[in-house]
Amino acid sequence: GNLYWDASGRPIDFAGMTFEQWQATGKDAGSRVADPLF
């Protein structure tokens, strides 16, 4: 259930994986990659 965002525009590296690959391992269920809009 975490929200991740890299404001530099780079794709985020999830331990050598894309976010989709990362979630496919069972990690970060309910999490998202999105601008939190501070």
PDB file of all heavy atoms in Angstrom:
ATOM      1  N   GLY A   1       0.771  -1.231   0.000  1.00  0.00           N
ATOM      2  CA  GLY A   1       0.000   0.000   0.000  1.00  0.00           C
ATOM      3  C   GLY A   1       0.801   1.280   0.000  1.00  0.00           C
ATOM      4  O   GLY A   1       0.320   2.312   0.480  1.00  0.00           O
ATOM      5  N   ASN A   2       2.013   1.260  -0.549  1.00  0.00           N
ATOM      6  CA  ASN A   2       2.849   2.460  -0.582  1.00  0.00           C
ATOM      7  C   ASN A   2       2.698   3.187  -1.910  1.00  0.00           C
ATOM      8  O   ASN A   2       2.360   2.592  -2.939  1.00  0.00           O
ATOM      9  CB  ASN A   2       4.316   2.077  -0.365  1.00  0.00           C
ATOM     10  CG  ASN A   2       4.535   1.385   0.963  1.00  0.00           C
ATOM     11  OD1 ASN A   2       4.350   1.981   2.019  1.00  0.00           O
ATOM     12  ND2 ASN A   2       4.921   0.117   0.918  1.00  0.00           N
ATOM     13  N   LEU A   3       2.983   4.483  -1.893  1.00  0.00           N
ATOM     14  CA  LEU A   3       2.951   5.307  -3.098  1.00  0.00           C
ATOM     15  C   LEU A   3       4.358   5.811  -3.370  1.00  0.00           C
ATOM     16  O   LEU A   3       4.977   6.449  -2.509  1.00  0.00           O
ATOM     17  CB  LEU A   3       1.997   6.487  -2.915  1.00  0.00           C
ATOM     18  CG  LEU A   3       1.828   7.430  -4.118  1.00  0.00           C
ATOM     19  CD1 LEU A   3       1.246   6.690  -5.319  1.00  0.00           C
ATOM     20  CD2 LEU A   3       0.955   8.621  -3.754  1.00  0.00           C
ATOM     21  N   TYR A   4       4.878   5.509  -4.571  1.00  0.00           N
ATOM     22  CA  TYR A   4       6.251   5.867  -4.937  1.00  0.00           C
ATOM     23  C   TYR A   4       6.229   6.861  -6.097  1.00  0.00           C
ATOM     24  O   TYR A   4       5.439   6.725  -7.036  1.00  0.00           O
ATOM     25  CB  TYR A   4       7.022   4.619  -5.376  1.00  0.00           C
ATOM     26  CG  TYR A   4       7.072   3.502  -4.364  1.00  0.00           C
ATOM     27  CD1 TYR A   4       6.201   2.410  -4.453  1.00  0.00           C
ATOM     28  CD2 TYR A   4       8.005   3.506  -3.333  1.00  0.00           C
ATOM     29  CE1 TYR A   4       6.258   1.365  -3.536  1.00  0.00           C
ATOM     30  CE2 TYR A   4       8.063   2.464  -2.408  1.00  0.00           C
ATOM     31  CZ  TYR A   4       7.185   1.401  -2.525  1.00  0.00           C
ATOM     32  OH  TYR A   4       7.240   0.370  -1.615  1.00  0.00           O
ATOM     33  N   TRP A   5       7.164   7.821  -6.056  1.00  0.00           N
ATOM     34  CA  TRP A   5       7.273   8.743  -7.176  1.00  0.00           C
ATOM     35  C   TRP A   5       8.674   9.325  -7.255  1.00  0.00           C
ATOM     36  O   TRP A   5       9.212   9.820  -6.264  1.00  0.00           O
ATOM     37  CB  TRP A   5       6.268   9.884  -7.058  1.00  0.00           C
ATOM     38  CG  TRP A   5       6.213  10.765  -8.279  1.00  0.00           C
ATOM     39  CD1 TRP A   5       6.578  12.073  -8.358  1.00  0.00           C
ATOM     40  CD2 TRP A   5       5.782  10.390  -9.591  1.00  0.00           C
ATOM     41  NE1 TRP A   5       6.395  12.550  -9.633  1.00  0.00           N
ATOM     42  CE2 TRP A   5       5.904  11.533 -10.421  1.00  0.00           C
ATOM     43  CE3 TRP A   5       5.309   9.201 -10.144  1.00  0.00           C
ATOM     44  CZ2 TRP A   5       5.572  11.511 -11.769  1.00  0.00           C
ATOM     45  CZ3 TRP A   5       4.971   9.193 -11.487  1.00  0.00           C
ATOM     46  CH2 TRP A   5       5.106  10.333 -12.279  1.00  0.00           C
ATOM     47  N   ASP A   6       9.263   9.231  -8.464  1.00  0.00           N
ATOM     48  CA  ASP A   6      10.541   9.869  -8.758  1.00  0.00           C
ATOM     49  C   ASP A   6      10.240  11.108  -9.590  1.00  0.00           C
ATOM     50  O   ASP A   6       9.874  11.021 -10.765  1.00  0.00           O
ATOM     51  CB  ASP A   6      11.455   8.906  -9.518  1.00  0.00           C
ATOM     52  CG  ASP A   6      12.856   9.474  -9.725  1.00  0.00           C
ATOM     53  OD1 ASP A   6      13.018  10.709  -9.666  1.00  0.00           O
ATOM     54  OD2 ASP A   6      13.790   8.696  -9.960  1.00  0.00           O
ATOM     55  N   ALA A   7      10.386  12.279  -8.967  1.00  0.00           N
ATOM     56  CA  ALA A   7      10.023  13.537  -9.624  1.00  0.00           C
ATOM     57  C   ALA A   7      10.975  13.909 -10.745  1.00  0.00           C
ATOM     58  O   ALA A   7      10.688  14.827 -11.516  1.00  0.00           O
ATOM     59  CB  ALA A   7       9.971  14.656  -8.588  1.00  0.00           C
ATOM     60  N   SER A   8      12.114  13.207 -10.865  1.00  0.00           N
ATOM     61  CA  SER A   8      13.039  13.507 -11.955  1.00  0.00           C
ATOM     62  C   SER A   8      12.561  12.929 -13.281  1.00  0.00           C
ATOM     63  O   SER A   8      13.124  13.247 -14.327  1.00  0.00           O
ATOM     64  CB  SER A   8      14.430  12.946 -11.629  1.00  0.00           C
ATOM     65  OG  SER A   8      14.436  11.526 -11.717  1.00  0.00           O
ATOM     66  N   GLY A   9      11.565  12.071 -13.234  1.00  0.00           N
ATOM     67  CA  GLY A   9      11.050  11.465 -14.459  1.00  0.00           C
ATOM     68  C   GLY A   9      11.681  10.124 -14.802  1.00  0.00           C
ATOM     69  O   GLY A   9      11.285   9.488 -15.777  1.00  0.00           O
ATOM     70  N   ARG A  10      12.641   9.676 -14.021  1.00  0.00           N
ATOM     71  CA  ARG A  10      13.269   8.385 -14.282  1.00  0.00           C
ATOM     72  C   ARG A  10      12.317   7.248 -13.900  1.00  0.00           C
ATOM     73  O   ARG A  10      11.545   7.377 -12.939  1.00  0.00           O
ATOM     74  CB  ARG A  10      14.547   8.230 -13.459  1.00  0.00           C
ATOM     75  CG  ARG A  10      15.608   9.282 -13.679  1.00  0.00           C
ATOM     76  CD  ARG A  10      16.726   9.106 -12.649  1.00  0.00           C
ATOM     77  NE  ARG A  10      16.222   9.261 -11.289  1.00  0.00           N
ATOM     78  CZ  ARG A  10      16.920   8.996 -10.190  1.00  0.00           C
ATOM     79  NH1 ARG A  10      18.166   8.547 -10.293  1.00  0.00           N
ATOM     80  NH2 ARG A  10      16.394   9.172  -8.998  1.00  0.00           N
ATOM     81  N   PRO A  11      12.389   6.116 -14.595  1.00  0.00           N
ATOM     82  CA  PRO A  11      11.662   4.942 -14.106  1.00  0.00           C
ATOM     83  C   PRO A  11      12.306   4.462 -12.811  1.00  0.00           C
ATOM     84  O   PRO A  11      13.532   4.461 -12.676  1.00  0.00           O
ATOM     85  CB  PRO A  11      11.825   3.923 -15.234  1.00  0.00           C
ATOM     86  CG  PRO A  11      13.047   4.358 -15.980  1.00  0.00           C
ATOM     87  CD  PRO A  11      13.095   5.844 -15.878  1.00  0.00           C
ATOM     88  N   ILE A  12      11.503   4.072 -11.867  1.00  0.00           N
ATOM     89  CA  ILE A  12      12.022   3.652 -10.566  1.00  0.00           C
ATOM     90  C   ILE A  12      12.514   2.211 -10.651  1.00  0.00           C
ATOM     91  O   ILE A  12      11.833   1.336 -11.175  1.00  0.00           O
ATOM     92  CB  ILE A  12      10.946   3.782  -9.477  1.00  0.00           C
ATOM     93  CG1 ILE A  12      10.492   5.240  -9.357  1.00  0.00           C
ATOM     94  CG2 ILE A  12      11.483   3.296  -8.127  1.00  0.00           C
ATOM     95  CD1 ILE A  12       9.361   5.448  -8.359  1.00  0.00           C
ATOM     96  N   ASP A  13      13.700   1.992 -10.123  1.00  0.00           N
ATOM     97  CA  ASP A  13      14.297   0.661 -10.075  1.00  0.00           C
ATOM     98  C   ASP A  13      13.871  -0.018  -8.776  1.00  0.00           C
ATOM     99  O   ASP A  13      14.242   0.409  -7.682  1.00  0.00           O
ATOM    100  CB  ASP A  13      15.822   0.788 -10.134  1.00  0.00           C
ATOM    101  CG  ASP A  13      16.538  -0.561 -10.151  1.00  0.00           C
ATOM    102  OD1 ASP A  13      16.010  -1.524  -9.570  1.00  0.00           O
ATOM    103  OD2 ASP A  13      17.623  -0.633 -10.742  1.00  0.00           O
ATOM    104  N   PHE A  14      13.066  -1.079  -8.886  1.00  0.00           N
ATOM    105  CA  PHE A  14      12.635  -1.851  -7.732  1.00  0.00           C
ATOM    106  C   PHE A  14      13.527  -3.097  -7.613  1.00  0.00           C
ATOM    107  O   PHE A  14      13.181  -4.165  -8.102  1.00  0.00           O
ATOM    108  CB  PHE A  14      11.168  -2.240  -7.855  1.00  0.00           C
ATOM    109  CG  PHE A  14      10.215  -1.096  -7.655  1.00  0.00           C
ATOM    110  CD1 PHE A  14       9.867  -0.265  -8.720  1.00  0.00           C
ATOM    111  CD2 PHE A  14       9.684  -0.838  -6.409  1.00  0.00           C
ATOM    112  CE1 PHE A  14       8.988   0.791  -8.542  1.00  0.00           C
ATOM    113  CE2 PHE A  14       8.806   0.229  -6.217  1.00  0.00           C
ATOM    114  CZ  PHE A  14       8.457   1.055  -7.286  1.00  0.00           C
ATOM    115  N   ALA A  15      14.693  -2.907  -7.005  1.00  0.00           N
ATOM    116  CA  ALA A  15      15.631  -4.011  -6.810  1.00  0.00           C
ATOM    117  C   ALA A  15      15.925  -4.736  -8.113  1.00  0.00           C
ATOM    118  O   ALA A  15      15.911  -5.965  -8.188  1.00  0.00           O
ATOM    119  CB  ALA A  15      15.094  -4.981  -5.764  1.00  0.00           C
ATOM    120  N   GLY A  16      16.209  -3.942  -9.167  1.00  0.00           N
ATOM    121  CA  GLY A  16      16.538  -4.518 -10.466  1.00  0.00           C
ATOM    122  C   GLY A  16      15.337  -4.901 -11.306  1.00  0.00           C
ATOM    123  O   GLY A  16      15.505  -5.516 -12.371  1.00  0.00           O
ATOM    124  N   MET A  17      14.144  -4.542 -10.888  1.00  0.00           N
ATOM    125  CA  MET A  17      12.926  -4.896 -11.610  1.00  0.00           C
ATOM    126  C   MET A  17      12.087  -3.666 -11.913  1.00  0.00           C
ATOM    127  O   MET A  17      12.220  -2.627 -11.250  1.00  0.00           O
ATOM    128  CB  MET A  17      12.084  -5.874 -10.773  1.00  0.00           C
ATOM    129  CG  MET A  17      12.718  -7.213 -10.508  1.00  0.00           C
ATOM    130  SD  MET A  17      11.656  -8.219  -9.443  1.00  0.00           S
ATOM    131  CE  MET A  17      12.727  -8.405  -8.024  1.00  0.00           C
ATOM    132  N   THR A  18      11.204  -3.805 -12.889  1.00  0.00           N
ATOM    133  CA  THR A  18      10.165  -2.811 -13.079  1.00  0.00           C
ATOM    134  C   THR A  18       9.135  -2.984 -11.960  1.00  0.00           C
ATOM    135  O   THR A  18       9.111  -3.996 -11.255  1.00  0.00           O
ATOM    136  CB  THR A  18       9.479  -2.979 -14.436  1.00  0.00           C
ATOM    137  OG1 THR A  18       8.771  -4.227 -14.444  1.00  0.00           O
ATOM    138  CG2 THR A  18      10.495  -2.952 -15.571  1.00  0.00           C
ATOM    139  N   PHE A  19       8.255  -2.000 -11.833  1.00  0.00           N
ATOM    140  CA  PHE A  19       7.242  -2.098 -10.794  1.00  0.00           C
ATOM    141  C   PHE A  19       6.321  -3.299 -11.032  1.00  0.00           C
ATOM    142  O   PHE A  19       5.941  -4.006 -10.087  1.00  0.00           O
ATOM    143  CB  PHE A  19       6.430  -0.809 -10.740  1.00  0.00           C
ATOM    144  CG  PHE A  19       5.419  -0.775  -9.628  1.00  0.00           C
ATOM    145  CD1 PHE A  19       5.814  -0.942  -8.309  1.00  0.00           C
ATOM    146  CD2 PHE A  19       4.073  -0.582  -9.895  1.00  0.00           C
ATOM    147  CE1 PHE A  19       4.886  -0.914  -7.270  1.00  0.00           C
ATOM    148  CE2 PHE A  19       3.133  -0.553  -8.869  1.00  0.00           C
ATOM    149  CZ  PHE A  19       3.550  -0.708  -7.559  1.00  0.00           C
ATOM    150  N   GLU A  20       6.004  -3.552 -12.293  1.00  0.00           N
ATOM    151  CA  GLU A  20       5.133  -4.687 -12.615  1.00  0.00           C
ATOM    152  C   GLU A  20       5.816  -5.999 -12.256  1.00  0.00           C
ATOM    153  O   GLU A  20       5.202  -6.905 -11.671  1.00  0.00           O
ATOM    154  CB  GLU A  20       4.757  -4.660 -14.094  1.00  0.00           C
ATOM    155  CG  GLU A  20       3.848  -3.508 -14.501  1.00  0.00           C
ATOM    156  CD  GLU A  20       4.560  -2.166 -14.532  1.00  0.00           C
ATOM    157  OE1 GLU A  20       5.820  -2.141 -14.622  1.00  0.00           O
ATOM    158  OE2 GLU A  20       3.864  -1.128 -14.460  1.00  0.00           O
ATOM    159  N   GLN A  21       7.093  -6.122 -12.581  1.00  0.00           N
ATOM    160  CA  GLN A  21       7.832  -7.333 -12.221  1.00  0.00           C
ATOM    161  C   GLN A  21       7.936  -7.485 -10.699  1.00  0.00           C
ATOM    162  O   GLN A  21       7.833  -8.589 -10.164  1.00  0.00           O
ATOM    163  CB  GLN A  21       9.237  -7.293 -12.843  1.00  0.00           C
ATOM    164  CG  GLN A  21       9.250  -7.393 -14.359  1.00  0.00           C
ATOM    165  CD  GLN A  21      10.619  -7.082 -14.947  1.00  0.00           C
ATOM    166  OE1 GLN A  21      11.413  -6.336 -14.356  1.00  0.00           O
ATOM    167  NE2 GLN A  21      10.895  -7.637 -16.119  1.00  0.00           N
ATOM    168  N   TRP A  22       8.155  -6.359 -10.038  1.00  0.00           N
ATOM    169  CA  TRP A  22       8.268  -6.348  -8.584  1.00  0.00           C
ATOM    170  C   TRP A  22       6.974  -6.851  -7.930  1.00  0.00           C
ATOM    171  O   TRP A  22       6.995  -7.722  -7.058  1.00  0.00           O
ATOM    172  CB  TRP A  22       8.589  -4.928  -8.150  1.00  0.00           C
ATOM    173  CG  TRP A  22       8.676  -4.640  -6.691  1.00  0.00           C
ATOM    174  CD1 TRP A  22       7.813  -3.879  -5.962  1.00  0.00           C
ATOM    175  CD2 TRP A  22       9.697  -5.056  -5.773  1.00  0.00           C
ATOM    176  NE1 TRP A  22       8.226  -3.788  -4.652  1.00  0.00           N
ATOM    177  CE2 TRP A  22       9.376  -4.503  -4.514  1.00  0.00           C
ATOM    178  CE3 TRP A  22      10.839  -5.830  -5.895  1.00  0.00           C
ATOM    179  CZ2 TRP A  22      10.161  -4.713  -3.378  1.00  0.00           C
ATOM    180  CZ3 TRP A  22      11.628  -6.043  -4.774  1.00  0.00           C
ATOM    181  CH2 TRP A  22      11.289  -5.498  -3.528  1.00  0.00           C
ATOM    182  N   GLN A  23       5.846  -6.325  -8.389  1.00  0.00           N
ATOM    183  CA  GLN A  23       4.577  -6.763  -7.817  1.00  0.00           C
ATOM    184  C   GLN A  23       4.279  -8.223  -8.147  1.00  0.00           C
ATOM    185  O   GLN A  23       3.624  -8.919  -7.359  1.00  0.00           O
ATOM    186  CB  GLN A  23       3.436  -5.866  -8.296  1.00  0.00           C
ATOM    187  CG  GLN A  23       3.407  -4.506  -7.615  1.00  0.00           C
ATOM    188  CD  GLN A  23       2.119  -3.755  -7.886  1.00  0.00           C
ATOM    189  OE1 GLN A  23       1.706  -3.626  -9.042  1.00  0.00           O
ATOM    190  NE2 GLN A  23       1.487  -3.256  -6.840  1.00  0.00           N
ATOM    191  N   ALA A  24       4.761  -8.690  -9.284  1.00  0.00           N
ATOM    192  CA  ALA A  24       4.534 -10.082  -9.668  1.00  0.00           C
ATOM    193  C   ALA A  24       5.219 -11.055  -8.711  1.00  0.00           C
ATOM    194  O   ALA A  24       4.827 -12.224  -8.623  1.00  0.00           O
ATOM    195  CB  ALA A  24       5.023 -10.324 -11.092  1.00  0.00           C
ATOM    196  N   THR A  25       6.232 -10.585  -7.975  1.00  0.00           N
ATOM    197  CA  THR A  25       6.887 -11.444  -6.984  1.00  0.00           C
ATOM    198  C   THR A  25       6.109 -11.505  -5.680  1.00  0.00           C
ATOM    199  O   THR A  25       6.500 -12.232  -4.763  1.00  0.00           O
ATOM    200  CB  THR A  25       8.312 -10.929  -6.686  1.00  0.00           C
ATOM    201  OG1 THR A  25       8.240  -9.677  -5.970  1.00  0.00           O
ATOM    202  CG2 THR A  25       9.115 -10.760  -7.956  1.00  0.00           C
ATOM    203  N   GLY A  26       5.042 -10.713  -5.587  1.00  0.00           N
ATOM    204  CA  GLY A  26       4.251 -10.666  -4.363  1.00  0.00           C
ATOM    205  C   GLY A  26       4.531  -9.457  -3.495  1.00  0.00           C
ATOM    206  O   GLY A  26       3.915  -9.285  -2.436  1.00  0.00           O
ATOM    207  N   LYS A  27       5.438  -8.613  -3.944  1.00  0.00           N
ATOM    208  CA  LYS A  27       5.784  -7.420  -3.183  1.00  0.00           C
ATOM    209  C   LYS A  27       4.822  -6.269  -3.485  1.00  0.00           C
ATOM    210  O   LYS A  27       4.303  -6.128  -4.588  1.00  0.00           O
ATOM    211  CB  LYS A  27       7.214  -6.973  -3.510  1.00  0.00           C
ATOM    212  CG  LYS A  27       8.306  -7.914  -3.026  1.00  0.00           C
ATOM    213  CD  LYS A  27       8.457  -7.864  -1.526  1.00  0.00           C
ATOM    214  CE  LYS A  27       9.674  -8.659  -1.059  1.00  0.00           C
ATOM    215  NZ  LYS A  27       9.803  -8.637   0.407  1.00  0.00           N
ATOM    216  N   ASP A  28       4.628  -5.408  -2.489  1.00  0.00           N
ATOM    217  CA  ASP A  28       3.910  -4.145  -2.652  1.00  0.00           C
ATOM    218  C   ASP A  28       2.496  -4.322  -3.190  1.00  0.00           C
ATOM    219  O   ASP A  28       2.043  -3.597  -4.084  1.00  0.00           O
ATOM    220  CB  ASP A  28       4.716  -3.188  -3.544  1.00  0.00           C
ATOM    221  CG  ASP A  28       5.545  -2.208  -2.722  1.00  0.00           C
ATOM    222  OD1 ASP A  28       4.995  -1.618  -1.780  1.00  0.00           O
ATOM    223  OD2 ASP A  28       6.749  -2.059  -3.006  1.00  0.00           O
ATOM    224  N   ALA A  29       1.766  -5.260  -2.629  1.00  0.00           N
ATOM    225  CA  ALA A  29       0.350  -5.391  -2.985  1.00  0.00           C
ATOM    226  C   ALA A  29      -0.378  -4.109  -2.611  1.00  0.00           C
ATOM    227  O   ALA A  29      -0.204  -3.565  -1.518  1.00  0.00           O
ATOM    228  CB  ALA A  29      -0.258  -6.574  -2.245  1.00  0.00           C
ATOM    229  N   GLY A  30      -1.167  -3.597  -3.539  1.00  0.00           N
ATOM    230  CA  GLY A  30      -1.915  -2.372  -3.293  1.00  0.00           C
ATOM    231  C   GLY A  30      -1.108  -1.107  -3.413  1.00  0.00           C
ATOM    232  O   GLY A  30      -1.641  -0.010  -3.168  1.00  0.00           O
ATOM    233  N   SER A  31       0.161  -1.204  -3.777  1.00  0.00           N
ATOM    234  CA  SER A  31       0.996  -0.004  -3.950  1.00  0.00           C
ATOM    235  C   SER A  31       0.849   0.547  -5.360  1.00  0.00           C
ATOM    236  O   SER A  31       0.378  -0.128  -6.277  1.00  0.00           O
ATOM    237  CB  SER A  31       2.459  -0.340  -3.655  1.00  0.00           C
ATOM    238  OG  SER A  31       2.634  -0.743  -2.316  1.00  0.00           O
ATOM    239  N   ARG A  32       1.304   1.800  -5.520  1.00  0.00           N
ATOM    240  CA  ARG A  32       1.230   2.455  -6.826  1.00  0.00           C
ATOM    241  C   ARG A  32       2.484   3.280  -7.072  1.00  0.00           C
ATOM    242  O   ARG A  32       3.184   3.683  -6.123  1.00  0.00           O
ATOM    243  CB  ARG A  32       0.011   3.383  -6.919  1.00  0.00           C
ATOM    244  CG  ARG A  32      -1.343   2.716  -6.942  1.00  0.00           C
ATOM    245  CD  ARG A  32      -2.441   3.752  -7.085  1.00  0.00           C
ATOM    246  NE  ARG A  32      -2.281   4.541  -8.309  1.00  0.00           N
ATOM    247  CZ  ARG A  32      -3.050   5.603  -8.616  1.00  0.00           C
ATOM    248  NH1 ARG A  32      -3.988   6.021  -7.770  1.00  0.00           N
ATOM    249  NH2 ARG A  32      -2.852   6.257  -9.755  1.00  0.00           N
ATOM    250  N   VAL A  33       2.741   3.543  -8.356  1.00  0.00           N
ATOM    251  CA  VAL A  33       3.728   4.539  -8.757  1.00  0.00           C
ATOM    252  C   VAL A  33       2.955   5.691  -9.361  1.00  0.00           C
ATOM    253  O   VAL A  33       2.350   5.564 -10.428  1.00  0.00           O
ATOM    254  CB  VAL A  33       4.733   3.965  -9.772  1.00  0.00           C
ATOM    255  CG1 VAL A  33       5.659   5.069 -10.279  1.00  0.00           C
ATOM    256  CG2 VAL A  33       5.549   2.842  -9.147  1.00  0.00           C
ATOM    257  N   ALA A  34       2.920   6.829  -8.648  1.00  0.00           N
ATOM    258  CA  ALA A  34       2.148   7.987  -9.113  1.00  0.00           C
ATOM    259  C   ALA A  34       2.584   9.211  -8.334  1.00  0.00           C
ATOM    260  O   ALA A  34       3.075   9.116  -7.198  1.00  0.00           O
ATOM    261  CB  ALA A  34       0.645   7.752  -8.933  1.00  0.00           C
ATOM    262  N   ASP A  35       2.400  10.378  -8.931  1.00  0.00           N
ATOM    263  CA  ASP A  35       2.702  11.641  -8.278  1.00  0.00           C
ATOM    264  C   ASP A  35       1.705  11.845  -7.133  1.00  0.00           C
ATOM    265  O   ASP A  35       0.488  11.851  -7.364  1.00  0.00           O
ATOM    266  CB  ASP A  35       2.580  12.783  -9.285  1.00  0.00           C
ATOM    267  CG  ASP A  35       3.076  14.109  -8.742  1.00  0.00           C
ATOM    268  OD1 ASP A  35       3.169  14.264  -7.507  1.00  0.00           O
ATOM    269  OD2 ASP A  35       3.361  15.004  -9.560  1.00  0.00           O
ATOM    270  N   PRO A  36       2.173  12.010  -5.898  1.00  0.00           N
ATOM    271  CA  PRO A  36       1.238  12.183  -4.779  1.00  0.00           C
ATOM    272  C   PRO A  36       0.539  13.537  -4.778  1.00  0.00           C
ATOM    273  O   PRO A  36      -0.397  13.746  -4.003  1.00  0.00           O
ATOM    274  CB  PRO A  36       2.128  12.035  -3.550  1.00  0.00           C
ATOM    275  CG  PRO A  36       3.487  12.417  -4.019  1.00  0.00           C
ATOM    276  CD  PRO A  36       3.571  11.959  -5.449  1.00  0.00           C
ATOM    277  N   LEU A  37       1.004  14.449  -5.629  1.00  0.00           N
ATOM    278  CA  LEU A  37       0.412  15.785  -5.730  1.00  0.00           C
ATOM    279  C   LEU A  37       0.517  16.553  -4.413  1.00  0.00           C
ATOM    280  O   LEU A  37      -0.461  17.011  -3.832  1.00  0.00           O
ATOM    281  CB  LEU A  37      -1.041  15.699  -6.194  1.00  0.00           C
ATOM    282  CG  LEU A  37      -1.270  15.057  -7.575  1.00  0.00           C
ATOM    283  CD1 LEU A  37      -2.748  15.029  -7.917  1.00  0.00           C
ATOM    284  CD2 LEU A  37      -0.484  15.806  -8.654  1.00  0.00           C
ATOM    285  N   PHE A  38       1.759  16.704  -3.961  1.00  0.00           N
ATOM    286  CA  PHE A  38       2.012  17.645  -2.872  1.00  0.00           C
ATOM    287  C   PHE A  38       1.748  19.058  -3.372  1.00  0.00           C
ATOM    288  O   PHE A  38       1.888  19.352  -4.566  1.00  0.00           O
ATOM    289  CB  PHE A  38       3.451  17.531  -2.387  1.00  0.00           C
ATOM    290  CG  PHE A  38       3.779  16.241  -1.686  1.00  0.00           C
ATOM    291  CD1 PHE A  38       4.843  15.449  -2.108  1.00  0.00           C
ATOM    292  CD2 PHE A  38       3.032  15.819  -0.597  1.00  0.00           C
ATOM    293  CE1 PHE A  38       5.163  14.276  -1.451  1.00  0.00           C
ATOM    294  CE2 PHE A  38       3.343  14.634   0.065  1.00  0.00           C
ATOM    295  CZ  PHE A  38       4.397  13.854  -0.374  1.00  0.00           C
TER     296      PHE A  38
END
